[in-house]
């Protein structure tokens, strides 16, 4: 969630609506003016609440980064204080605007005692705002494997073109973030088919998939051993490799006992992401997403760490997978070298 940029987008569109039809150049001038002094454009209660929450999330990110150097006891105490502050900020944002959906989504997750409770709270919130969490019914499409979106596919390596996306409406993005949170919560709680359905619904609404529903979907399809669905999803987005795709494919091929393909996918994962082998064999702590997946540099260790974190439930549910990966030629040596070069535990 790019807090500052999205606030500028909200304020710019809100003022543009008030001014009436603007040319592209006039809108660019307006956005520049908003960027220079956003506070002077804060008029709507929804934007005031969003800014309050955005400031709190930015402060949370900063405090979280500083916790890296604390011992276990200090980290736990700092984390508890940090999340308490964020809970308070969510409550304050909601008091400013009861329709501040991002604040309500985060509050639902922070108020839950376990993943199942978090999912229940998110589903309750979706029901309250009448947000569908499953794809629209289509004739002849009874399975997530059918990938029943309205997005055209092509033989090119580019992601599918989409003419309409709810992501283009900045005020619709909180609804998309809620759906994304539900999809991941369903994955985390082993509701794999329902996770697929929510991912499909999210991509119906945003065919450009700005929130990475395809990553969650790929993991769920791997757990379900749905090779047909996995291949269709891969084709839908131009077969663009990433840590989630390669790691999920590795798990899928391993579960189907297709070992040559599993080895190729594992090599693809480690060649794509710096420190990928270490990330899989020595998973690092990843904070729960509030409300969406943090930004990462493609091919970075952070990308690998996030993918491993999200694949954890499937990895743990796949006997002998880690032992097999460790035994692959050079895999453990790559992980050890990365640890040694970066002063990490091994």
C-alpha atoms as a PDB file:
ATOM      1  CA  UNK A   1       0.000   0.000   0.000  1.00  0.00           C
ATOM      2  CA  UNK A   2       1.682   3.207  -1.199  1.00  0.00           C
ATOM      3  CA  UNK A   3       0.128   5.477   1.397  1.00  0.00           C
ATOM      4  CA  UNK A   4       1.419   8.860   0.209  1.00  0.00           C
ATOM      5  CA  UNK A   5       0.773   8.250  -3.496  1.00  0.00           C
ATOM      6  CA  UNK A   6      -2.719   6.944  -2.893  1.00  0.00           C
ATOM      7  CA  UNK A   7      -3.587   9.928  -0.704  1.00  0.00           C
ATOM      8  CA  UNK A   8      -2.513  12.256  -3.520  1.00  0.00           C
ATOM      9  CA  UNK A   9      -4.659  10.264  -5.956  1.00  0.00           C
ATOM     10  CA  UNK A  10      -7.690  10.480  -3.658  1.00  0.00           C
ATOM     11  CA  UNK A  11      -7.350  14.215  -3.103  1.00  0.00           C
ATOM     12  CA  UNK A  12      -6.734  14.934  -6.780  1.00  0.00           C
ATOM     13  CA  UNK A  13      -9.761  12.991  -7.983  1.00  0.00           C
ATOM     14  CA  UNK A  14     -11.947  14.405  -5.230  1.00  0.00           C
ATOM     15  CA  UNK A  15     -11.080  17.984  -6.240  1.00  0.00           C
ATOM     16  CA  UNK A  16     -11.380  17.176  -9.946  1.00  0.00           C
ATOM     17  CA  UNK A  17     -14.919  15.930  -9.387  1.00  0.00           C
ATOM     18  CA  UNK A  18     -15.757  19.197  -7.665  1.00  0.00           C
ATOM     19  CA  UNK A  19     -14.231  21.302 -10.458  1.00  0.00           C
ATOM     20  CA  UNK A  20     -15.910  19.407 -13.277  1.00  0.00           C
ATOM     21  CA  UNK A  21     -14.415  17.994 -16.464  1.00  0.00           C
ATOM     22  CA  UNK A  22     -10.694  18.751 -16.703  1.00  0.00           C
ATOM     23  CA  UNK A  23      -8.277  18.240 -19.560  1.00  0.00           C
ATOM     24  CA  UNK A  24      -5.381  15.881 -19.040  1.00  0.00           C
ATOM     25  CA  UNK A  25      -2.970  18.806 -18.690  1.00  0.00           C
ATOM     26  CA  UNK A  26      -5.259  20.557 -16.208  1.00  0.00           C
ATOM     27  CA  UNK A  27      -5.525  17.404 -14.119  1.00  0.00           C
ATOM     28  CA  UNK A  28      -1.740  17.044 -14.122  1.00  0.00           C
ATOM     29  CA  UNK A  29      -1.444  20.620 -12.842  1.00  0.00           C
ATOM     30  CA  UNK A  30      -4.016  19.887 -10.166  1.00  0.00           C
ATOM     31  CA  UNK A  31      -2.182  16.758  -9.050  1.00  0.00           C
ATOM     32  CA  UNK A  32       1.075  18.694  -8.847  1.00  0.00           C
ATOM     33  CA  UNK A  33      -0.613  21.288  -6.625  1.00  0.00           C
ATOM     34  CA  UNK A  34      -1.992  18.517  -4.388  1.00  0.00           C
ATOM     35  CA  UNK A  35       1.435  16.913  -4.154  1.00  0.00           C
ATOM     36  CA  UNK A  36       2.981  20.195  -3.031  1.00  0.00           C
ATOM     37  CA  UNK A  37       0.446  20.830  -0.264  1.00  0.00           C
ATOM     38  CA  UNK A  38      -1.928  17.891   0.339  1.00  0.00           C
ATOM     39  CA  UNK A  39      -3.174  19.216   3.685  1.00  0.00           C
ATOM     40  CA  UNK A  40      -4.848  22.183   1.986  1.00  0.00           C
ATOM     41  CA  UNK A  41      -7.009  19.753  -0.013  1.00  0.00           C
ATOM     42  CA  UNK A  42      -8.145  17.708   2.997  1.00  0.00           C
ATOM     43  CA  UNK A  43     -11.853  18.451   3.102  1.00  0.00           C
ATOM     44  CA  UNK A  44     -13.740  15.142   2.931  1.00  0.00           C
ATOM     45  CA  UNK A  45     -13.927  13.094   6.135  1.00  0.00           C
ATOM     46  CA  UNK A  46     -12.961   9.985   4.199  1.00  0.00           C
ATOM     47  CA  UNK A  47      -9.688  11.553   3.111  1.00  0.00           C
ATOM     48  CA  UNK A  48      -8.953  12.847   6.612  1.00  0.00           C
ATOM     49  CA  UNK A  49      -9.452   9.329   7.990  1.00  0.00           C
ATOM     50  CA  UNK A  50      -7.349   7.803   5.209  1.00  0.00           C
ATOM     51  CA  UNK A  51      -4.482  10.223   5.912  1.00  0.00           C
ATOM     52  CA  UNK A  52      -4.652   9.447   9.632  1.00  0.00           C
ATOM     53  CA  UNK A  53      -4.428   5.731   8.897  1.00  0.00           C
ATOM     54  CA  UNK A  54      -1.717   6.215   6.273  1.00  0.00           C
ATOM     55  CA  UNK A  55       0.419   8.173   8.748  1.00  0.00           C
ATOM     56  CA  UNK A  56      -0.073   5.415  11.330  1.00  0.00           C
ATOM     57  CA  UNK A  57       0.906   2.696   8.854  1.00  0.00           C
ATOM     58  CA  UNK A  58       4.012   4.625   7.815  1.00  0.00           C
ATOM     59  CA  UNK A  59       4.987   5.004  11.489  1.00  0.00           C
ATOM     60  CA  UNK A  60       4.339   1.294  12.006  1.00  0.00           C
ATOM     61  CA  UNK A  61       6.639   0.421   9.106  1.00  0.00           C
ATOM     62  CA  UNK A  62       9.403   2.634  10.506  1.00  0.00           C
ATOM     63  CA  UNK A  63       9.123   1.166  13.996  1.00  0.00           C
ATOM     64  CA  UNK A  64       9.087  -2.355  12.584  1.00  0.00           C
ATOM     65  CA  UNK A  65      12.304  -1.742  10.658  1.00  0.00           C
ATOM     66  CA  UNK A  66      14.027  -0.619  13.867  1.00  0.00           C
ATOM     67  CA  UNK A  67      13.050  -3.849  15.644  1.00  0.00           C
ATOM     68  CA  UNK A  68      15.464  -5.852  13.528  1.00  0.00           C
ATOM     69  CA  UNK A  69      18.292  -5.092  15.958  1.00  0.00           C
ATOM     70  CA  UNK A  70      16.440  -6.034  19.169  1.00  0.00           C
ATOM     71  CA  UNK A  71      16.772  -9.274  21.106  1.00  0.00           C
ATOM     72  CA  UNK A  72      13.739 -11.570  21.364  1.00  0.00           C
ATOM     73  CA  UNK A  73      12.393 -10.033  24.547  1.00  0.00           C
ATOM     74  CA  UNK A  74      12.865  -6.483  23.313  1.00  0.00           C
ATOM     75  CA  UNK A  75      11.333  -7.335  19.966  1.00  0.00           C
ATOM     76  CA  UNK A  76       8.189  -8.803  21.514  1.00  0.00           C
ATOM     77  CA  UNK A  77       7.692  -5.805  23.787  1.00  0.00           C
ATOM     78  CA  UNK A  78       8.265  -3.348  20.945  1.00  0.00           C
ATOM     79  CA  UNK A  79       5.947  -5.241  18.617  1.00  0.00           C
ATOM     80  CA  UNK A  80       3.141  -5.251  21.190  1.00  0.00           C
ATOM     81  CA  UNK A  81       3.480  -1.481  21.703  1.00  0.00           C
ATOM     82  CA  UNK A  82       3.610  -0.884  17.965  1.00  0.00           C
ATOM     83  CA  UNK A  83       0.477  -2.893  17.232  1.00  0.00           C
ATOM     84  CA  UNK A  84      -1.368  -1.291  20.149  1.00  0.00           C
ATOM     85  CA  UNK A  85      -0.658   2.097  18.594  1.00  0.00           C
ATOM     86  CA  UNK A  86      -1.920   0.858  15.245  1.00  0.00           C
ATOM     87  CA  UNK A  87      -5.123  -0.487  16.829  1.00  0.00           C
ATOM     88  CA  UNK A  88      -5.698   2.904  18.403  1.00  0.00           C
ATOM     89  CA  UNK A  89      -5.053   4.663  15.095  1.00  0.00           C
ATOM     90  CA  UNK A  90      -7.552   2.371  13.326  1.00  0.00           C
ATOM     91  CA  UNK A  91     -10.191   3.160  15.949  1.00  0.00           C
ATOM     92  CA  UNK A  92      -9.494   6.877  15.536  1.00  0.00           C
ATOM     93  CA  UNK A  93      -9.748   6.649  11.738  1.00  0.00           C
ATOM     94  CA  UNK A  94     -13.043   4.800  12.023  1.00  0.00           C
ATOM     95  CA  UNK A  95     -14.356   7.463  14.406  1.00  0.00           C
ATOM     96  CA  UNK A  96     -13.478  10.084  11.774  1.00  0.00           C
ATOM     97  CA  UNK A  97     -15.209   8.102   9.027  1.00  0.00           C
ATOM     98  CA  UNK A  98     -17.122   4.907   9.727  1.00  0.00           C
ATOM     99  CA  UNK A  99     -16.665   3.935   6.078  1.00  0.00           C
ATOM    100  CA  UNK A 100     -12.845   3.901   6.283  1.00  0.00           C
ATOM    101  CA  UNK A 101     -12.624   0.343   4.996  1.00  0.00           C
ATOM    102  CA  UNK A 102      -8.854  -0.027   5.218  1.00  0.00           C
ATOM    103  CA  UNK A 103      -9.008   0.843   8.924  1.00  0.00           C
ATOM    104  CA  UNK A 104     -11.857  -1.609   9.438  1.00  0.00           C
ATOM    105  CA  UNK A 105      -9.948  -4.336   7.597  1.00  0.00           C
ATOM    106  CA  UNK A 106      -6.796  -3.836   9.648  1.00  0.00           C
ATOM    107  CA  UNK A 107      -8.789  -3.613  12.885  1.00  0.00           C
ATOM    108  CA  UNK A 108     -10.475  -6.927  12.034  1.00  0.00           C
ATOM    109  CA  UNK A 109      -7.104  -8.623  11.588  1.00  0.00           C
ATOM    110  CA  UNK A 110      -5.514  -7.045  14.664  1.00  0.00           C
ATOM    111  CA  UNK A 111      -8.489  -7.913  16.838  1.00  0.00           C
ATOM    112  CA  UNK A 112      -8.405 -11.635  16.031  1.00  0.00           C
ATOM    113  CA  UNK A 113      -6.687 -14.150  18.303  1.00  0.00           C
ATOM    114  CA  UNK A 114      -5.849 -16.676  15.546  1.00  0.00           C
ATOM    115  CA  UNK A 115      -6.034 -17.091  11.748  1.00  0.00           C
ATOM    116  CA  UNK A 116      -9.505 -18.644  11.801  1.00  0.00           C
ATOM    117  CA  UNK A 117     -10.856 -15.758  13.865  1.00  0.00           C
ATOM    118  CA  UNK A 118      -9.176 -13.291  11.518  1.00  0.00           C
ATOM    119  CA  UNK A 119     -10.836 -14.901   8.502  1.00  0.00           C
ATOM    120  CA  UNK A 120     -14.218 -14.868  10.235  1.00  0.00           C
ATOM    121  CA  UNK A 121     -13.842 -11.164  11.023  1.00  0.00           C
ATOM    122  CA  UNK A 122     -12.843 -10.348   7.450  1.00  0.00           C
ATOM    123  CA  UNK A 123     -15.759 -12.321   6.017  1.00  0.00           C
ATOM    124  CA  UNK A 124     -18.141 -10.558   8.395  1.00  0.00           C
ATOM    125  CA  UNK A 125     -16.841  -7.223   7.189  1.00  0.00           C
ATOM    126  CA  UNK A 126     -17.243  -8.275   3.544  1.00  0.00           C
ATOM    127  CA  UNK A 127     -20.827  -9.310   4.269  1.00  0.00           C
ATOM    128  CA  UNK A 128     -21.578  -5.967   5.936  1.00  0.00           C
ATOM    129  CA  UNK A 129     -20.497  -4.022   2.848  1.00  0.00           C
ATOM    130  CA  UNK A 130     -22.070  -6.592   0.482  1.00  0.00           C
ATOM    131  CA  UNK A 131     -18.762  -7.506  -1.132  1.00  0.00           C
ATOM    132  CA  UNK A 132     -18.845 -10.787  -3.073  1.00  0.00           C
ATOM    133  CA  UNK A 133     -15.893 -13.043  -2.257  1.00  0.00           C
ATOM    134  CA  UNK A 134     -16.532 -15.546  -5.050  1.00  0.00           C
ATOM    135  CA  UNK A 135     -16.570 -15.134  -8.854  1.00  0.00           C
ATOM    136  CA  UNK A 136     -19.688 -14.383 -10.816  1.00  0.00           C
ATOM    137  CA  UNK A 137     -21.511 -17.415 -12.117  1.00  0.00           C
ATOM    138  CA  UNK A 138     -20.747 -18.189 -15.730  1.00  0.00           C
ATOM    139  CA  UNK A 139     -22.405 -20.762 -17.892  1.00  0.00           C
ATOM    140  CA  UNK A 140     -20.255 -23.861 -18.169  1.00  0.00           C
ATOM    141  CA  UNK A 141     -17.742 -22.690 -15.558  1.00  0.00           C
ATOM    142  CA  UNK A 142     -18.042 -24.768 -12.430  1.00  0.00           C
ATOM    143  CA  UNK A 143     -14.411 -24.980 -11.424  1.00  0.00           C
ATOM    144  CA  UNK A 144     -11.691 -22.540 -10.423  1.00  0.00           C
ATOM    145  CA  UNK A 145      -9.482 -24.424 -12.872  1.00  0.00           C
ATOM    146  CA  UNK A 146     -11.516 -22.957 -15.700  1.00  0.00           C
ATOM    147  CA  UNK A 147     -10.165 -19.507 -14.821  1.00  0.00           C
ATOM    148  CA  UNK A 148     -13.462 -17.934 -15.745  1.00  0.00           C
ATOM    149  CA  UNK A 149     -12.343 -14.337 -15.994  1.00  0.00           C
ATOM    150  CA  UNK A 150     -13.253 -11.999 -18.820  1.00  0.00           C
ATOM    151  CA  UNK A 151      -9.601 -11.180 -19.467  1.00  0.00           C
ATOM    152  CA  UNK A 152      -8.374 -12.085 -22.967  1.00  0.00           C
ATOM    153  CA  UNK A 153      -5.260 -14.226 -23.161  1.00  0.00           C
ATOM    154  CA  UNK A 154      -2.630 -14.152 -25.867  1.00  0.00           C
ATOM    155  CA  UNK A 155       0.414 -16.056 -27.037  1.00  0.00           C
ATOM    156  CA  UNK A 156       2.736 -13.185 -26.144  1.00  0.00           C
ATOM    157  CA  UNK A 157       4.901 -12.966 -23.048  1.00  0.00           C
ATOM    158  CA  UNK A 158       3.080  -9.845 -21.900  1.00  0.00           C
ATOM    159  CA  UNK A 159       0.468  -9.821 -19.139  1.00  0.00           C
ATOM    160  CA  UNK A 160      -3.099  -9.796 -20.504  1.00  0.00           C
ATOM    161  CA  UNK A 161      -4.479  -6.442 -21.550  1.00  0.00           C
ATOM    162  CA  UNK A 162      -7.464  -5.174 -19.588  1.00  0.00           C
ATOM    163  CA  UNK A 163      -9.712  -2.303 -20.536  1.00  0.00           C
ATOM    164  CA  UNK A 164     -11.584  -1.976 -17.246  1.00  0.00           C
ATOM    165  CA  UNK A 165     -10.178  -2.393 -13.763  1.00  0.00           C
ATOM    166  CA  UNK A 166     -11.567  -1.308 -10.429  1.00  0.00           C
ATOM    167  CA  UNK A 167      -8.000  -0.478  -9.434  1.00  0.00           C
ATOM    168  CA  UNK A 168      -8.278   2.590 -11.658  1.00  0.00           C
ATOM    169  CA  UNK A 169     -10.861   3.919  -9.189  1.00  0.00           C
ATOM    170  CA  UNK A 170      -8.755   4.906  -6.179  1.00  0.00           C
ATOM    171  CA  UNK A 171     -11.828   4.820  -3.946  1.00  0.00           C
ATOM    172  CA  UNK A 172     -12.468   1.154  -4.851  1.00  0.00           C
ATOM    173  CA  UNK A 173      -9.015  -0.014  -3.809  1.00  0.00           C
ATOM    174  CA  UNK A 174      -9.890  -0.646  -0.140  1.00  0.00           C
ATOM    175  CA  UNK A 175     -12.494  -3.191  -1.301  1.00  0.00           C
ATOM    176  CA  UNK A 176      -9.837  -4.932  -3.392  1.00  0.00           C
ATOM    177  CA  UNK A 177      -7.463  -4.978  -0.422  1.00  0.00           C
ATOM    178  CA  UNK A 178     -10.157  -6.577   1.722  1.00  0.00           C
ATOM    179  CA  UNK A 179     -10.662  -9.294  -0.901  1.00  0.00           C
ATOM    180  CA  UNK A 180      -6.911  -9.877  -1.080  1.00  0.00           C
ATOM    181  CA  UNK A 181      -6.753 -10.232   2.710  1.00  0.00           C
ATOM    182  CA  UNK A 182      -9.586 -12.777   2.611  1.00  0.00           C
ATOM    183  CA  UNK A 183      -7.877 -14.794  -0.126  1.00  0.00           C
ATOM    184  CA  UNK A 184      -4.656 -15.026   1.887  1.00  0.00           C
ATOM    185  CA  UNK A 185      -6.550 -15.810   5.107  1.00  0.00           C
ATOM    186  CA  UNK A 186      -8.354 -18.641   3.340  1.00  0.00           C
ATOM    187  CA  UNK A 187      -5.016 -19.968   2.119  1.00  0.00           C
ATOM    188  CA  UNK A 188      -3.481 -19.716   5.594  1.00  0.00           C
ATOM    189  CA  UNK A 189      -6.401 -21.626   7.133  1.00  0.00           C
ATOM    190  CA  UNK A 190      -6.248 -24.421   4.517  1.00  0.00           C
ATOM    191  CA  UNK A 191      -9.419 -23.354   2.704  1.00  0.00           C
ATOM    192  CA  UNK A 192      -7.704 -23.769  -0.627  1.00  0.00           C
ATOM    193  CA  UNK A 193     -10.702 -24.012  -2.978  1.00  0.00           C
ATOM    194  CA  UNK A 194     -12.311 -20.969  -1.407  1.00  0.00           C
ATOM    195  CA  UNK A 195      -9.006 -19.112  -1.653  1.00  0.00           C
ATOM    196  CA  UNK A 196      -8.983 -19.862  -5.388  1.00  0.00           C
ATOM    197  CA  UNK A 197     -12.517 -18.502  -5.720  1.00  0.00           C
ATOM    198  CA  UNK A 198     -11.639 -15.279  -3.937  1.00  0.00           C
ATOM    199  CA  UNK A 199      -8.539 -14.827  -6.089  1.00  0.00           C
ATOM    200  CA  UNK A 200     -10.674 -15.347  -9.183  1.00  0.00           C
ATOM    201  CA  UNK A 201     -13.153 -12.731  -7.966  1.00  0.00           C
ATOM    202  CA  UNK A 202     -10.337 -10.284  -7.287  1.00  0.00           C
ATOM    203  CA  UNK A 203      -8.935 -10.717 -10.792  1.00  0.00           C
ATOM    204  CA  UNK A 204     -12.432 -10.288 -12.247  1.00  0.00           C
ATOM    205  CA  UNK A 205     -12.514  -6.879 -10.590  1.00  0.00           C
ATOM    206  CA  UNK A 206      -8.886  -6.013 -11.320  1.00  0.00           C
ATOM    207  CA  UNK A 207      -7.577  -7.931 -14.349  1.00  0.00           C
ATOM    208  CA  UNK A 208      -4.230  -6.134 -13.987  1.00  0.00           C
ATOM    209  CA  UNK A 209      -3.885  -7.820 -10.556  1.00  0.00           C
ATOM    210  CA  UNK A 210      -2.146  -4.973  -8.769  1.00  0.00           C
ATOM    211  CA  UNK A 211      -2.383  -6.844  -5.443  1.00  0.00           C
ATOM    212  CA  UNK A 212      -0.855 -10.119  -6.647  1.00  0.00           C
ATOM    213  CA  UNK A 213      -3.858 -12.418  -6.248  1.00  0.00           C
ATOM    214  CA  UNK A 214      -2.168 -14.690  -8.788  1.00  0.00           C
ATOM    215  CA  UNK A 215       0.564 -15.419  -6.247  1.00  0.00           C
ATOM    216  CA  UNK A 216      -1.937 -16.634  -3.657  1.00  0.00           C
ATOM    217  CA  UNK A 217      -3.879 -18.515  -6.313  1.00  0.00           C
ATOM    218  CA  UNK A 218      -0.772 -20.340  -7.568  1.00  0.00           C
ATOM    219  CA  UNK A 219       0.019 -21.616  -4.067  1.00  0.00           C
ATOM    220  CA  UNK A 220      -3.543 -22.850  -3.537  1.00  0.00           C
ATOM    221  CA  UNK A 221      -3.565 -24.631  -6.905  1.00  0.00           C
ATOM    222  CA  UNK A 222      -0.259 -26.318  -6.049  1.00  0.00           C
ATOM    223  CA  UNK A 223      -1.720 -27.604  -2.766  1.00  0.00           C
ATOM    224  CA  UNK A 224      -4.773 -28.893  -4.647  1.00  0.00           C
ATOM    225  CA  UNK A 225      -2.465 -30.609  -7.183  1.00  0.00           C
ATOM    226  CA  UNK A 226      -4.392 -28.843  -9.944  1.00  0.00           C
ATOM    227  CA  UNK A 227      -1.869 -28.827 -12.767  1.00  0.00           C
ATOM    228  CA  UNK A 228      -4.419 -27.792 -15.381  1.00  0.00           C
ATOM    229  CA  UNK A 229      -5.527 -24.802 -13.321  1.00  0.00           C
ATOM    230  CA  UNK A 230      -1.948 -23.858 -12.506  1.00  0.00           C
ATOM    231  CA  UNK A 231      -0.931 -23.890 -16.165  1.00  0.00           C
ATOM    232  CA  UNK A 232      -3.972 -21.837 -17.164  1.00  0.00           C
ATOM    233  CA  UNK A 233      -3.182 -19.232 -14.501  1.00  0.00           C
ATOM    234  CA  UNK A 234       0.439 -19.107 -15.636  1.00  0.00           C
ATOM    235  CA  UNK A 235      -0.669 -18.565 -19.248  1.00  0.00           C
ATOM    236  CA  UNK A 236      -3.204 -15.912 -18.251  1.00  0.00           C
ATOM    237  CA  UNK A 237      -0.408 -13.698 -16.941  1.00  0.00           C
ATOM    238  CA  UNK A 238       2.036 -14.302 -19.769  1.00  0.00           C
ATOM    239  CA  UNK A 239       4.100 -16.963 -17.947  1.00  0.00           C
ATOM    240  CA  UNK A 240       6.033 -14.281 -16.087  1.00  0.00           C
ATOM    241  CA  UNK A 241       8.310 -16.002 -13.589  1.00  0.00           C
ATOM    242  CA  UNK A 242       8.446 -14.911  -9.971  1.00  0.00           C
ATOM    243  CA  UNK A 243       9.326 -16.525  -6.649  1.00  0.00           C
ATOM    244  CA  UNK A 244       5.729 -17.564  -5.934  1.00  0.00           C
ATOM    245  CA  UNK A 245       5.252 -19.102  -9.354  1.00  0.00           C
ATOM    246  CA  UNK A 246       8.504 -21.080  -9.314  1.00  0.00           C
ATOM    247  CA  UNK A 247       8.152 -22.237  -5.717  1.00  0.00           C
ATOM    248  CA  UNK A 248       4.507 -23.228  -6.167  1.00  0.00           C
ATOM    249  CA  UNK A 249       5.391 -25.087  -9.363  1.00  0.00           C
ATOM    250  CA  UNK A 250       8.183 -26.897  -7.523  1.00  0.00           C
ATOM    251  CA  UNK A 251       5.721 -27.993  -4.842  1.00  0.00           C
ATOM    252  CA  UNK A 252       3.136 -29.020  -7.435  1.00  0.00           C
ATOM    253  CA  UNK A 253       5.563 -31.123  -9.455  1.00  0.00           C
ATOM    254  CA  UNK A 254       6.976 -32.692  -6.280  1.00  0.00           C
ATOM    255  CA  UNK A 255       3.489 -33.611  -5.074  1.00  0.00           C
ATOM    256  CA  UNK A 256       2.706 -35.140  -8.481  1.00  0.00           C
ATOM    257  CA  UNK A 257       5.988 -37.122  -8.357  1.00  0.00           C
ATOM    258  CA  UNK A 258       7.295 -35.365 -11.474  1.00  0.00           C
ATOM    259  CA  UNK A 259      10.844 -35.011 -10.167  1.00  0.00           C
ATOM    260  CA  UNK A 260      12.673 -33.755 -13.290  1.00  0.00           C
ATOM    261  CA  UNK A 261      10.111 -30.945 -13.613  1.00  0.00           C
ATOM    262  CA  UNK A 262      10.325 -30.258  -9.881  1.00  0.00           C
ATOM    263  CA  UNK A 263      14.114 -29.918 -10.110  1.00  0.00           C
ATOM    264  CA  UNK A 264      13.824 -27.513 -13.045  1.00  0.00           C
ATOM    265  CA  UNK A 265      11.312 -25.396 -11.142  1.00  0.00           C
ATOM    266  CA  UNK A 266      13.547 -25.350  -8.073  1.00  0.00           C
ATOM    267  CA  UNK A 267      16.476 -24.185 -10.209  1.00  0.00           C
ATOM    268  CA  UNK A 268      14.240 -21.492 -11.687  1.00  0.00           C
ATOM    269  CA  UNK A 269      13.386 -20.292  -8.180  1.00  0.00           C
ATOM    270  CA  UNK A 270      16.994 -20.124  -6.999  1.00  0.00           C
ATOM    271  CA  UNK A 271      18.250 -18.503 -10.200  1.00  0.00           C
ATOM    272  CA  UNK A 272      15.527 -15.862 -10.028  1.00  0.00           C
ATOM    273  CA  UNK A 273      15.849 -14.756  -6.412  1.00  0.00           C
ATOM    274  CA  UNK A 274      19.005 -13.795  -4.596  1.00  0.00           C
ATOM    275  CA  UNK A 275      19.234 -15.969  -1.483  1.00  0.00           C
ATOM    276  CA  UNK A 276      16.286 -18.113  -2.550  1.00  0.00           C
ATOM    277  CA  UNK A 277      17.824 -21.335  -1.248  1.00  0.00           C
ATOM    278  CA  UNK A 278      18.523 -19.769   2.148  1.00  0.00           C
ATOM    279  CA  UNK A 279      14.998 -18.332   2.333  1.00  0.00           C
ATOM    280  CA  UNK A 280      13.499 -21.799   1.860  1.00  0.00           C
ATOM    281  CA  UNK A 281      15.813 -23.689   4.220  1.00  0.00           C
ATOM    282  CA  UNK A 282      16.006 -20.994   6.911  1.00  0.00           C
ATOM    283  CA  UNK A 283      12.706 -19.057   6.763  1.00  0.00           C
ATOM    284  CA  UNK A 284      12.880 -15.589   8.257  1.00  0.00           C
ATOM    285  CA  UNK A 285      10.183 -13.914  10.325  1.00  0.00           C
ATOM    286  CA  UNK A 286       7.670 -12.071   8.138  1.00  0.00           C
ATOM    287  CA  UNK A 287       5.197  -9.733   9.808  1.00  0.00           C
ATOM    288  CA  UNK A 288       1.550 -10.264   8.969  1.00  0.00           C
ATOM    289  CA  UNK A 289       0.381  -8.087   6.085  1.00  0.00           C
ATOM    290  CA  UNK A 290      -1.555  -4.982   7.168  1.00  0.00           C
ATOM    291  CA  UNK A 291      -3.473  -4.919   4.944  1.00  0.00           C
ATOM    292  CA  UNK A 292      -1.571  -6.030   1.832  1.00  0.00           C
ATOM    293  CA  UNK A 293       1.697  -7.566   0.717  1.00  0.00           C
ATOM    294  CA  UNK A 294       4.648  -5.206   1.241  1.00  0.00           C
ATOM    295  CA  UNK A 295       6.561  -3.882  -1.742  1.00  0.00           C
ATOM    296  CA  UNK A 296       9.595  -5.868  -2.868  1.00  0.00           C
ATOM    297  CA  UNK A 297      12.323  -5.582  -5.470  1.00  0.00           C
ATOM    298  CA  UNK A 298      11.941  -8.273  -8.162  1.00  0.00           C
ATOM    299  CA  UNK A 299      14.603 -10.945  -7.790  1.00  0.00           C
ATOM    300  CA  UNK A 300      15.494  -9.854  -4.261  1.00  0.00           C
ATOM    301  CA  UNK A 301      15.884 -11.864  -1.082  1.00  0.00           C
ATOM    302  CA  UNK A 302      12.795 -10.030   0.192  1.00  0.00           C
ATOM    303  CA  UNK A 303      10.765 -11.491  -2.666  1.00  0.00           C
ATOM    304  CA  UNK A 304      11.994 -14.991  -1.821  1.00  0.00           C
ATOM    305  CA  UNK A 305      11.286 -14.508   1.896  1.00  0.00           C
ATOM    306  CA  UNK A 306       7.718 -13.343   1.196  1.00  0.00           C
ATOM    307  CA  UNK A 307       7.059 -16.260  -1.165  1.00  0.00           C
ATOM    308  CA  UNK A 308       8.383 -18.792   1.341  1.00  0.00           C
ATOM    309  CA  UNK A 309       6.276 -17.216   4.077  1.00  0.00           C
ATOM    310  CA  UNK A 310       3.111 -17.540   2.006  1.00  0.00           C
ATOM    311  CA  UNK A 311       3.960 -21.090   0.886  1.00  0.00           C
ATOM    312  CA  UNK A 312       4.685 -22.219   4.444  1.00  0.00           C
ATOM    313  CA  UNK A 313       1.412 -24.078   5.035  1.00  0.00           C
ATOM    314  CA  UNK A 314       1.867 -26.088   1.821  1.00  0.00           C
ATOM    315  CA  UNK A 315       5.549 -26.759   2.485  1.00  0.00           C
ATOM    316  CA  UNK A 316       4.765 -28.049   5.979  1.00  0.00           C
ATOM    317  CA  UNK A 317       1.962 -30.202   4.540  1.00  0.00           C
ATOM    318  CA  UNK A 318       4.260 -31.823   1.966  1.00  0.00           C
ATOM    319  CA  UNK A 319       6.313 -34.583   3.636  1.00  0.00           C
ATOM    320  CA  UNK A 320       9.964 -34.855   2.635  1.00  0.00           C
ATOM    321  CA  UNK A 321       9.864 -31.726   0.460  1.00  0.00           C
ATOM    322  CA  UNK A 322      12.502 -29.800   2.401  1.00  0.00           C
ATOM    323  CA  UNK A 323      14.707 -32.869   2.704  1.00  0.00           C
ATOM    324  CA  UNK A 324      14.432 -33.400  -1.047  1.00  0.00           C
ATOM    325  CA  UNK A 325      15.251 -29.735  -1.793  1.00  0.00           C
ATOM    326  CA  UNK A 326      18.240 -29.853   0.556  1.00  0.00           C
ATOM    327  CA  UNK A 327      19.563 -32.928  -1.255  1.00  0.00           C
ATOM    328  CA  UNK A 328      19.504 -31.308  -4.692  1.00  0.00           C
ATOM    329  CA  UNK A 329      22.896 -30.674  -6.180  1.00  0.00           C
ATOM    330  CA  UNK A 330      24.372 -27.426  -4.849  1.00  0.00           C
ATOM    331  CA  UNK A 331      21.152 -26.240  -3.138  1.00  0.00           C
ATOM    332  CA  UNK A 332      22.350 -26.425   0.466  1.00  0.00           C
ATOM    333  CA  UNK A 333      25.740 -25.012  -0.575  1.00  0.00           C
ATOM    334  CA  UNK A 334      24.000 -21.975  -2.122  1.00  0.00           C
ATOM    335  CA  UNK A 335      22.079 -21.406   1.087  1.00  0.00           C
ATOM    336  CA  UNK A 336      25.191 -21.720   3.240  1.00  0.00           C
ATOM    337  CA  UNK A 337      27.182 -19.353   1.036  1.00  0.00           C
ATOM    338  CA  UNK A 338      24.422 -16.743   1.180  1.00  0.00           C
ATOM    339  CA  UNK A 339      24.344 -17.027   4.961  1.00  0.00           C
ATOM    340  CA  UNK A 340      28.117 -16.680   5.198  1.00  0.00           C
ATOM    341  CA  UNK A 341      28.253 -13.713   2.789  1.00  0.00           C
ATOM    342  CA  UNK A 342      25.483 -11.870   4.654  1.00  0.00           C
ATOM    343  CA  UNK A 343      26.449 -12.765   8.236  1.00  0.00           C
ATOM    344  CA  UNK A 344      23.296 -14.829   8.790  1.00  0.00           C
ATOM    345  CA  UNK A 345      22.724 -17.863  10.979  1.00  0.00           C
ATOM    346  CA  UNK A 346      23.304 -21.266   9.440  1.00  0.00           C
END
